Amino acid sequence: MDNTKLEEKILEILKNGAKTSEEIRNELIQENIDFTQLQFREVLAKMVREGKVKKIPSYERKKFLFSI
């Protein structure tokens, strides 16, 4: 899958609320989306840098949450 379509799918998933990167990745896997782990991390990081996605620390869960 190309990066543009992966970005669209990530945004679609995050419309339902903030999620960790693992939760996003698991939803993509459930939808049978074909991507590599490296591609997923690069696309998510690019979206954070561009301001499309917010990266918020969750101290209770000890993880970062991603939201729109």
PDB file of N, CA and C in Angstrom:
ATOM      1  N   MET A   1       0.853  -1.182   0.000  1.00  0.00           N
ATOM      2  CA  MET A   1       0.000   0.000   0.000  1.00  0.00           C
ATOM      3  C   MET A   1       0.893   1.238   0.000  1.00  0.00           C
ATOM      4  N   ASP A   2       0.497   2.231  -0.775  1.00  0.00           N
ATOM      5  CA  ASP A   2       1.311   3.451  -0.788  1.00  0.00           C
ATOM      6  C   ASP A   2       1.018   4.301   0.452  1.00  0.00           C
ATOM      7  N   ASN A   3       1.947   5.227   0.721  1.00  0.00           N
ATOM      8  CA  ASN A   3       1.874   6.004   1.958  1.00  0.00           C
ATOM      9  C   ASN A   3       0.640   6.900   2.040  1.00  0.00           C
ATOM     10  N   THR A   4       0.166   7.407   0.913  1.00  0.00           N
ATOM     11  CA  THR A   4      -1.004   8.287   0.913  1.00  0.00           C
ATOM     12  C   THR A   4      -2.240   7.535   1.387  1.00  0.00           C
ATOM     13  N   LYS A   5      -2.429   6.319   0.896  1.00  0.00           N
ATOM     14  CA  LYS A   5      -3.585   5.530   1.314  1.00  0.00           C
ATOM     15  C   LYS A   5      -3.468   5.117   2.779  1.00  0.00           C
ATOM     16  N   LEU A   6      -2.238   4.833   3.217  1.00  0.00           N
ATOM     17  CA  LEU A   6      -2.023   4.479   4.614  1.00  0.00           C
ATOM     18  C   LEU A   6      -2.365   5.670   5.510  1.00  0.00           C
ATOM     19  N   GLU A   7      -1.970   6.871   5.098  1.00  0.00           N
ATOM     20  CA  GLU A   7      -2.324   8.088   5.850  1.00  0.00           C
ATOM     21  C   GLU A   7      -3.838   8.237   5.966  1.00  0.00           C
ATOM     22  N   GLU A   8      -4.541   8.036   4.861  1.00  0.00           N
ATOM     23  CA  GLU A   8      -6.003   8.158   4.868  1.00  0.00           C
ATOM     24  C   GLU A   8      -6.627   7.160   5.832  1.00  0.00           C
ATOM     25  N   LYS A   9      -6.131   5.935   5.841  1.00  0.00           N
ATOM     26  CA  LYS A   9      -6.674   4.904   6.735  1.00  0.00           C
ATOM     27  C   LYS A   9      -6.408   5.261   8.195  1.00  0.00           C
ATOM     28  N   ILE A  10      -5.209   5.786   8.477  1.00  0.00           N
ATOM     29  CA  ILE A  10      -4.882   6.176   9.856  1.00  0.00           C
ATOM     30  C   ILE A  10      -5.813   7.294  10.315  1.00  0.00           C
ATOM     31  N   LEU A  11      -6.037   8.293   9.459  1.00  0.00           N
ATOM     32  CA  LEU A  11      -6.948   9.392   9.818  1.00  0.00           C
ATOM     33  C   LEU A  11      -8.368   8.877  10.040  1.00  0.00           C
ATOM     34  N   GLU A  12      -8.783   7.941   9.214  1.00  0.00           N
ATOM     35  CA  GLU A  12     -10.113   7.341   9.353  1.00  0.00           C
ATOM     36  C   GLU A  12     -10.252   6.638  10.712  1.00  0.00           C
ATOM     37  N   ILE A  13      -9.212   5.926  11.127  1.00  0.00           N
ATOM     38  CA  ILE A  13      -9.229   5.230  12.415  1.00  0.00           C
ATOM     39  C   ILE A  13      -9.253   6.230  13.566  1.00  0.00           C
ATOM     40  N   LEU A  14      -8.487   7.311  13.445  1.00  0.00           N
ATOM     41  CA  LEU A  14      -8.393   8.288  14.535  1.00  0.00           C
ATOM     42  C   LEU A  14      -9.636   9.167  14.663  1.00  0.00           C
ATOM     43  N   LYS A  15     -10.533   9.131  13.688  1.00  0.00           N
ATOM     44  CA  LYS A  15     -11.787   9.882  13.809  1.00  0.00           C
ATOM     45  C   LYS A  15     -12.637   9.344  14.961  1.00  0.00           C
ATOM     46  N   ASN A  16     -12.401   8.089  15.343  1.00  0.00           N
ATOM     47  CA  ASN A  16     -13.156   7.479  16.438  1.00  0.00           C
ATOM     48  C   ASN A  16     -12.570   7.793  17.804  1.00  0.00           C
ATOM     49  N   GLY A  17     -11.476   8.545  17.858  1.00  0.00           N
ATOM     50  CA  GLY A  17     -10.871   8.909  19.135  1.00  0.00           C
ATOM     51  C   GLY A  17      -9.391   8.600  19.171  1.00  0.00           C
ATOM     52  N   ALA A  18      -8.735   9.063  20.233  1.00  0.00           N
ATOM     53  CA  ALA A  18      -7.291   8.890  20.387  1.00  0.00           C
ATOM     54  C   ALA A  18      -6.943   7.419  20.605  1.00  0.00           C
ATOM     55  N   LYS A  19      -5.833   6.998  20.009  1.00  0.00           N
ATOM     56  CA  LYS A  19      -5.386   5.616  20.125  1.00  0.00           C
ATOM     57  C   LYS A  19      -3.868   5.571  20.182  1.00  0.00           C
ATOM     58  N   THR A  20      -3.332   4.487  20.748  1.00  0.00           N
ATOM     59  CA  THR A  20      -1.889   4.273  20.732  1.00  0.00           C
ATOM     60  C   THR A  20      -1.491   3.764  19.355  1.00  0.00           C
ATOM     61  N   SER A  21      -0.189   3.791  19.076  1.00  0.00           N
ATOM     62  CA  SER A  21       0.275   3.295  17.772  1.00  0.00           C
ATOM     63  C   SER A  21      -0.040   1.810  17.621  1.00  0.00           C
ATOM     64  N   GLU A  22       0.029   1.053  18.713  1.00  0.00           N
ATOM     65  CA  GLU A  22      -0.307  -0.380  18.658  1.00  0.00           C
ATOM     66  C   GLU A  22      -1.773  -0.590  18.285  1.00  0.00           C
ATOM     67  N   GLU A  23      -2.647   0.199  18.879  1.00  0.00           N
ATOM     68  CA  GLU A  23      -4.078   0.078  18.576  1.00  0.00           C
ATOM     69  C   GLU A  23      -4.369   0.436  17.119  1.00  0.00           C
ATOM     70  N   ILE A  24      -3.696   1.476  16.622  1.00  0.00           N
ATOM     71  CA  ILE A  24      -3.875   1.858  15.216  1.00  0.00           C
ATOM     72  C   ILE A  24      -3.388   0.730  14.321  1.00  0.00           C
ATOM     73  N   ARG A  25      -2.184   0.226  14.615  1.00  0.00           N
ATOM     74  CA  ARG A  25      -1.609  -0.856  13.811  1.00  0.00           C
ATOM     75  C   ARG A  25      -2.505  -2.091  13.818  1.00  0.00           C
ATOM     76  N   ASN A  26      -3.045  -2.453  14.983  1.00  0.00           N
ATOM     77  CA  ASN A  26      -3.913  -3.630  15.072  1.00  0.00           C
ATOM     78  C   ASN A  26      -5.191  -3.461  14.256  1.00  0.00           C
ATOM     79  N   GLU A  27      -5.753  -2.256  14.252  1.00  0.00           N
ATOM     80  CA  GLU A  27      -6.952  -2.013  13.432  1.00  0.00           C
ATOM     81  C   GLU A  27      -6.639  -2.124  11.947  1.00  0.00           C
ATOM     82  N   LEU A  28      -5.461  -1.624  11.543  1.00  0.00           N
ATOM     83  CA  LEU A  28      -5.058  -1.744  10.142  1.00  0.00           C
ATOM     84  C   LEU A  28      -4.881  -3.209   9.750  1.00  0.00           C
ATOM     85  N   ILE A  29      -4.305  -3.998  10.641  1.00  0.00           N
ATOM     86  CA  ILE A  29      -4.116  -5.432  10.383  1.00  0.00           C
ATOM     87  C   ILE A  29      -5.466  -6.128  10.270  1.00  0.00           C
ATOM     88  N   GLN A  30      -6.420  -5.772  11.138  1.00  0.00           N
ATOM     89  CA  GLN A  30      -7.756  -6.373  11.086  1.00  0.00           C
ATOM     90  C   GLN A  30      -8.450  -6.071   9.763  1.00  0.00           C
ATOM     91  N   GLU A  31      -8.150  -4.908   9.179  1.00  0.00           N
ATOM     92  CA  GLU A  31      -8.754  -4.529   7.902  1.00  0.00           C
ATOM     93  C   GLU A  31      -7.976  -5.103   6.719  1.00  0.00           C
ATOM     94  N   ASN A  32      -6.991  -5.966   6.993  1.00  0.00           N
ATOM     95  CA  ASN A  32      -6.163  -6.603   5.961  1.00  0.00           C
ATOM     96  C   ASN A  32      -5.431  -5.597   5.088  1.00  0.00           C
ATOM     97  N   ILE A  33      -4.939  -4.524   5.705  1.00  0.00           N
ATOM     98  CA  ILE A  33      -4.151  -3.528   4.994  1.00  0.00           C
ATOM     99  C   ILE A  33      -2.708  -4.046   4.940  1.00  0.00           C
ATOM    100  N   ASP A  34      -2.098  -3.963   3.758  1.00  0.00           N
ATOM    101  CA  ASP A  34      -0.735  -4.461   3.571  1.00  0.00           C
ATOM    102  C   ASP A  34       0.263  -3.328   3.770  1.00  0.00           C
ATOM    103  N   PHE A  35       1.104  -3.424   4.813  1.00  0.00           N
ATOM    104  CA  PHE A  35       2.122  -2.418   5.094  1.00  0.00           C
ATOM    105  C   PHE A  35       3.216  -3.064   5.931  1.00  0.00           C
ATOM    106  N   THR A  36       4.392  -2.430   5.932  1.00  0.00           N
ATOM    107  CA  THR A  36       5.474  -2.908   6.793  1.00  0.00           C
ATOM    108  C   THR A  36       5.471  -2.076   8.075  1.00  0.00           C
ATOM    109  N   GLN A  37       6.097  -2.611   9.117  1.00  0.00           N
ATOM    110  CA  GLN A  37       6.170  -1.904  10.391  1.00  0.00           C
ATOM    111  C   GLN A  37       6.930  -0.586  10.220  1.00  0.00           C
ATOM    112  N   LEU A  38       8.008  -0.624   9.444  1.00  0.00           N
ATOM    113  CA  LEU A  38       8.801   0.582   9.207  1.00  0.00           C
ATOM    114  C   LEU A  38       7.982   1.633   8.459  1.00  0.00           C
ATOM    115  N   GLN A  39       7.261   1.214   7.444  1.00  0.00           N
ATOM    116  CA  GLN A  39       6.411   2.128   6.676  1.00  0.00           C
ATOM    117  C   GLN A  39       5.378   2.774   7.595  1.00  0.00           C
ATOM    118  N   PHE A  40       4.760   1.988   8.471  1.00  0.00           N
ATOM    119  CA  PHE A  40       3.751   2.505   9.399  1.00  0.00           C
ATOM    120  C   PHE A  40       4.350   3.571  10.313  1.00  0.00           C
ATOM    121  N   ARG A  41       5.515   3.279  10.904  1.00  0.00           N
ATOM    122  CA  ARG A  41       6.154   4.235  11.820  1.00  0.00           C
ATOM    123  C   ARG A  41       6.556   5.518  11.096  1.00  0.00           C
ATOM    124  N   GLU A  42       7.087   5.376   9.873  1.00  0.00           N
ATOM    125  CA  GLU A  42       7.492   6.562   9.105  1.00  0.00           C
ATOM    126  C   GLU A  42       6.300   7.440   8.744  1.00  0.00           C
ATOM    127  N   VAL A  43       5.201   6.824   8.321  1.00  0.00           N
ATOM    128  CA  VAL A  43       4.009   7.584   7.947  1.00  0.00           C
ATOM    129  C   VAL A  43       3.421   8.285   9.168  1.00  0.00           C
ATOM    130  N   LEU A  44       3.343   7.582  10.301  1.00  0.00           N
ATOM    131  CA  LEU A  44       2.786   8.180  11.516  1.00  0.00           C
ATOM    132  C   LEU A  44       3.657   9.350  11.982  1.00  0.00           C
ATOM    133  N   ALA A  45       4.980   9.186  11.946  1.00  0.00           N
ATOM    134  CA  ALA A  45       5.896  10.262  12.350  1.00  0.00           C
ATOM    135  C   ALA A  45       5.761  11.461  11.422  1.00  0.00           C
ATOM    136  N   LYS A  46       5.632  11.215  10.121  1.00  0.00           N
ATOM    137  CA  LYS A  46       5.470  12.294   9.145  1.00  0.00           C
ATOM    138  C   LYS A  46       4.178  13.065   9.416  1.00  0.00           C
ATOM    139  N   MET A  47       3.116  12.351   9.749  1.00  0.00           N
ATOM    140  CA  MET A  47       1.834  12.999  10.030  1.00  0.00           C
ATOM    141  C   MET A  47       1.927  13.873  11.271  1.00  0.00           C
ATOM    142  N   VAL A  48       2.686  13.434  12.270  1.00  0.00           N
ATOM    143  CA  VAL A  48       2.878  14.235  13.482  1.00  0.00           C
ATOM    144  C   VAL A  48       3.670  15.499  13.139  1.00  0.00           C
ATOM    145  N   ARG A  49       4.750  15.349  12.367  1.00  0.00           N
ATOM    146  CA  ARG A  49       5.571  16.510  11.979  1.00  0.00           C
ATOM    147  C   ARG A  49       4.773  17.520  11.181  1.00  0.00           C
ATOM    148  N   GLU A  50       3.889  17.051  10.309  1.00  0.00           N
ATOM    149  CA  GLU A  50       3.090  17.949   9.468  1.00  0.00           C
ATOM    150  C   GLU A  50       1.904  18.547  10.214  1.00  0.00           C
ATOM    151  N   GLY A  51       1.629  18.069  11.418  1.00  0.00           N
ATOM    152  CA  GLY A  51       0.529  18.611  12.205  1.00  0.00           C
ATOM    153  C   GLY A  51      -0.823  17.985  11.901  1.00  0.00           C
ATOM    154  N   LYS A  52      -0.852  16.926  11.112  1.00  0.00           N
ATOM    155  CA  LYS A  52      -2.116  16.252  10.798  1.00  0.00           C
ATOM    156  C   LYS A  52      -2.616  15.437  11.992  1.00  0.00           C
ATOM    157  N   VAL A  53      -1.670  14.978  12.821  1.00  0.00           N
ATOM    158  CA  VAL A  53      -1.984  14.143  13.975  1.00  0.00           C
ATOM    159  C   VAL A  53      -1.249  14.708  15.179  1.00  0.00           C
ATOM    160  N   LYS A  54      -1.902  14.699  16.335  1.00  0.00           N
ATOM    161  CA  LYS A  54      -1.281  15.154  17.582  1.00  0.00           C
ATOM    162  C   LYS A  54      -0.755  13.944  18.348  1.00  0.00           C
ATOM    163  N   LYS A  55       0.411  14.112  18.973  1.00  0.00           N
ATOM    164  CA  LYS A  55       1.020  13.062  19.794  1.00  0.00           C
ATOM    165  C   LYS A  55       0.945  13.531  21.244  1.00  0.00           C
ATOM    166  N   ILE A  56       0.145  12.829  22.048  1.00  0.00           N
ATOM    167  CA  ILE A  56      -0.148  13.263  23.409  1.00  0.00           C
ATOM    168  C   ILE A  56       0.329  12.190  24.393  1.00  0.00           C
ATOM    169  N   PRO A  57       1.131  12.564  25.402  1.00  0.00           N
ATOM    170  CA  PRO A  57       1.545  11.559  26.387  1.00  0.00           C
ATOM    171  C   PRO A  57       0.380  11.173  27.289  1.00  0.00           C
ATOM    172  N   SER A  58       0.250   9.873  27.544  1.00  0.00           N
ATOM    173  CA  SER A  58      -0.757   9.378  28.480  1.00  0.00           C
ATOM    174  C   SER A  58      -0.001   8.786  29.665  1.00  0.00           C
ATOM    175  N   TYR A  59      -0.001   9.513  30.773  1.00  0.00           N
ATOM    176  CA  TYR A  59       0.785   9.096  31.930  1.00  0.00           C
ATOM    177  C   TYR A  59       0.197   7.870  32.614  1.00  0.00           C
ATOM    178  N   GLU A  60      -1.133   7.717  32.563  1.00  0.00           N
ATOM    179  CA  GLU A  60      -1.741   6.537  33.192  1.00  0.00           C
ATOM    180  C   GLU A  60      -1.386   5.260  32.432  1.00  0.00           C
ATOM    181  N   ARG A  61      -1.380   5.356  31.103  1.00  0.00           N
ATOM    182  CA  ARG A  61      -1.109   4.180  30.266  1.00  0.00           C
ATOM    183  C   ARG A  61       0.374   4.028  29.941  1.00  0.00           C
ATOM    184  N   LYS A  62       1.167   5.078  30.257  1.00  0.00           N
ATOM    185  CA  LYS A  62       2.607   5.096  29.981  1.00  0.00           C
ATOM    186  C   LYS A  62       2.903   4.869  28.502  1.00  0.00           C
ATOM    187  N   LYS A  63       2.082   5.522  27.659  1.00  0.00           N
ATOM    188  CA  LYS A  63       2.246   5.431  26.203  1.00  0.00           C
ATOM    189  C   LYS A  63       1.845   6.765  25.597  1.00  0.00           C
ATOM    190  N   PHE A  64       2.170   6.938  24.322  1.00  0.00           N
ATOM    191  CA  PHE A  64       1.699   8.106  23.603  1.00  0.00           C
ATOM    192  C   PHE A  64       0.378   7.781  22.919  1.00  0.00           C
ATOM    193  N   LEU A  65      -0.524   8.744  22.958  1.00  0.00           N
ATOM    194  CA  LEU A  65      -1.788   8.621  22.228  1.00  0.00           C
ATOM    195  C   LEU A  65      -1.719   9.532  21.013  1.00  0.00           C
ATOM    196  N   PHE A  66      -2.297   9.085  19.933  1.00  0.00           N
ATOM    197  CA  PHE A  66      -2.360   9.872  18.702  1.00  0.00           C
ATOM    198  C   PHE A  66      -3.816  10.243  18.456  1.00  0.00           C
ATOM    199  N   SER A  67      -4.031  11.520  18.119  1.00  0.00           N
ATOM    200  CA  SER A  67      -5.402  11.974  17.846  1.00  0.00           C
ATOM    201  C   SER A  67      -5.352  13.032  16.749  1.00  0.00           C
ATOM    202  N   ILE A  68      -6.551  13.346  16.237  1.00  0.00           N
ATOM    203  CA  ILE A  68      -6.655  14.349  15.174  1.00  0.00           C
ATOM    204  C   ILE A  68      -6.751  15.719  15.803  1.00  0.00           C
TER     205      ILE A  68
END
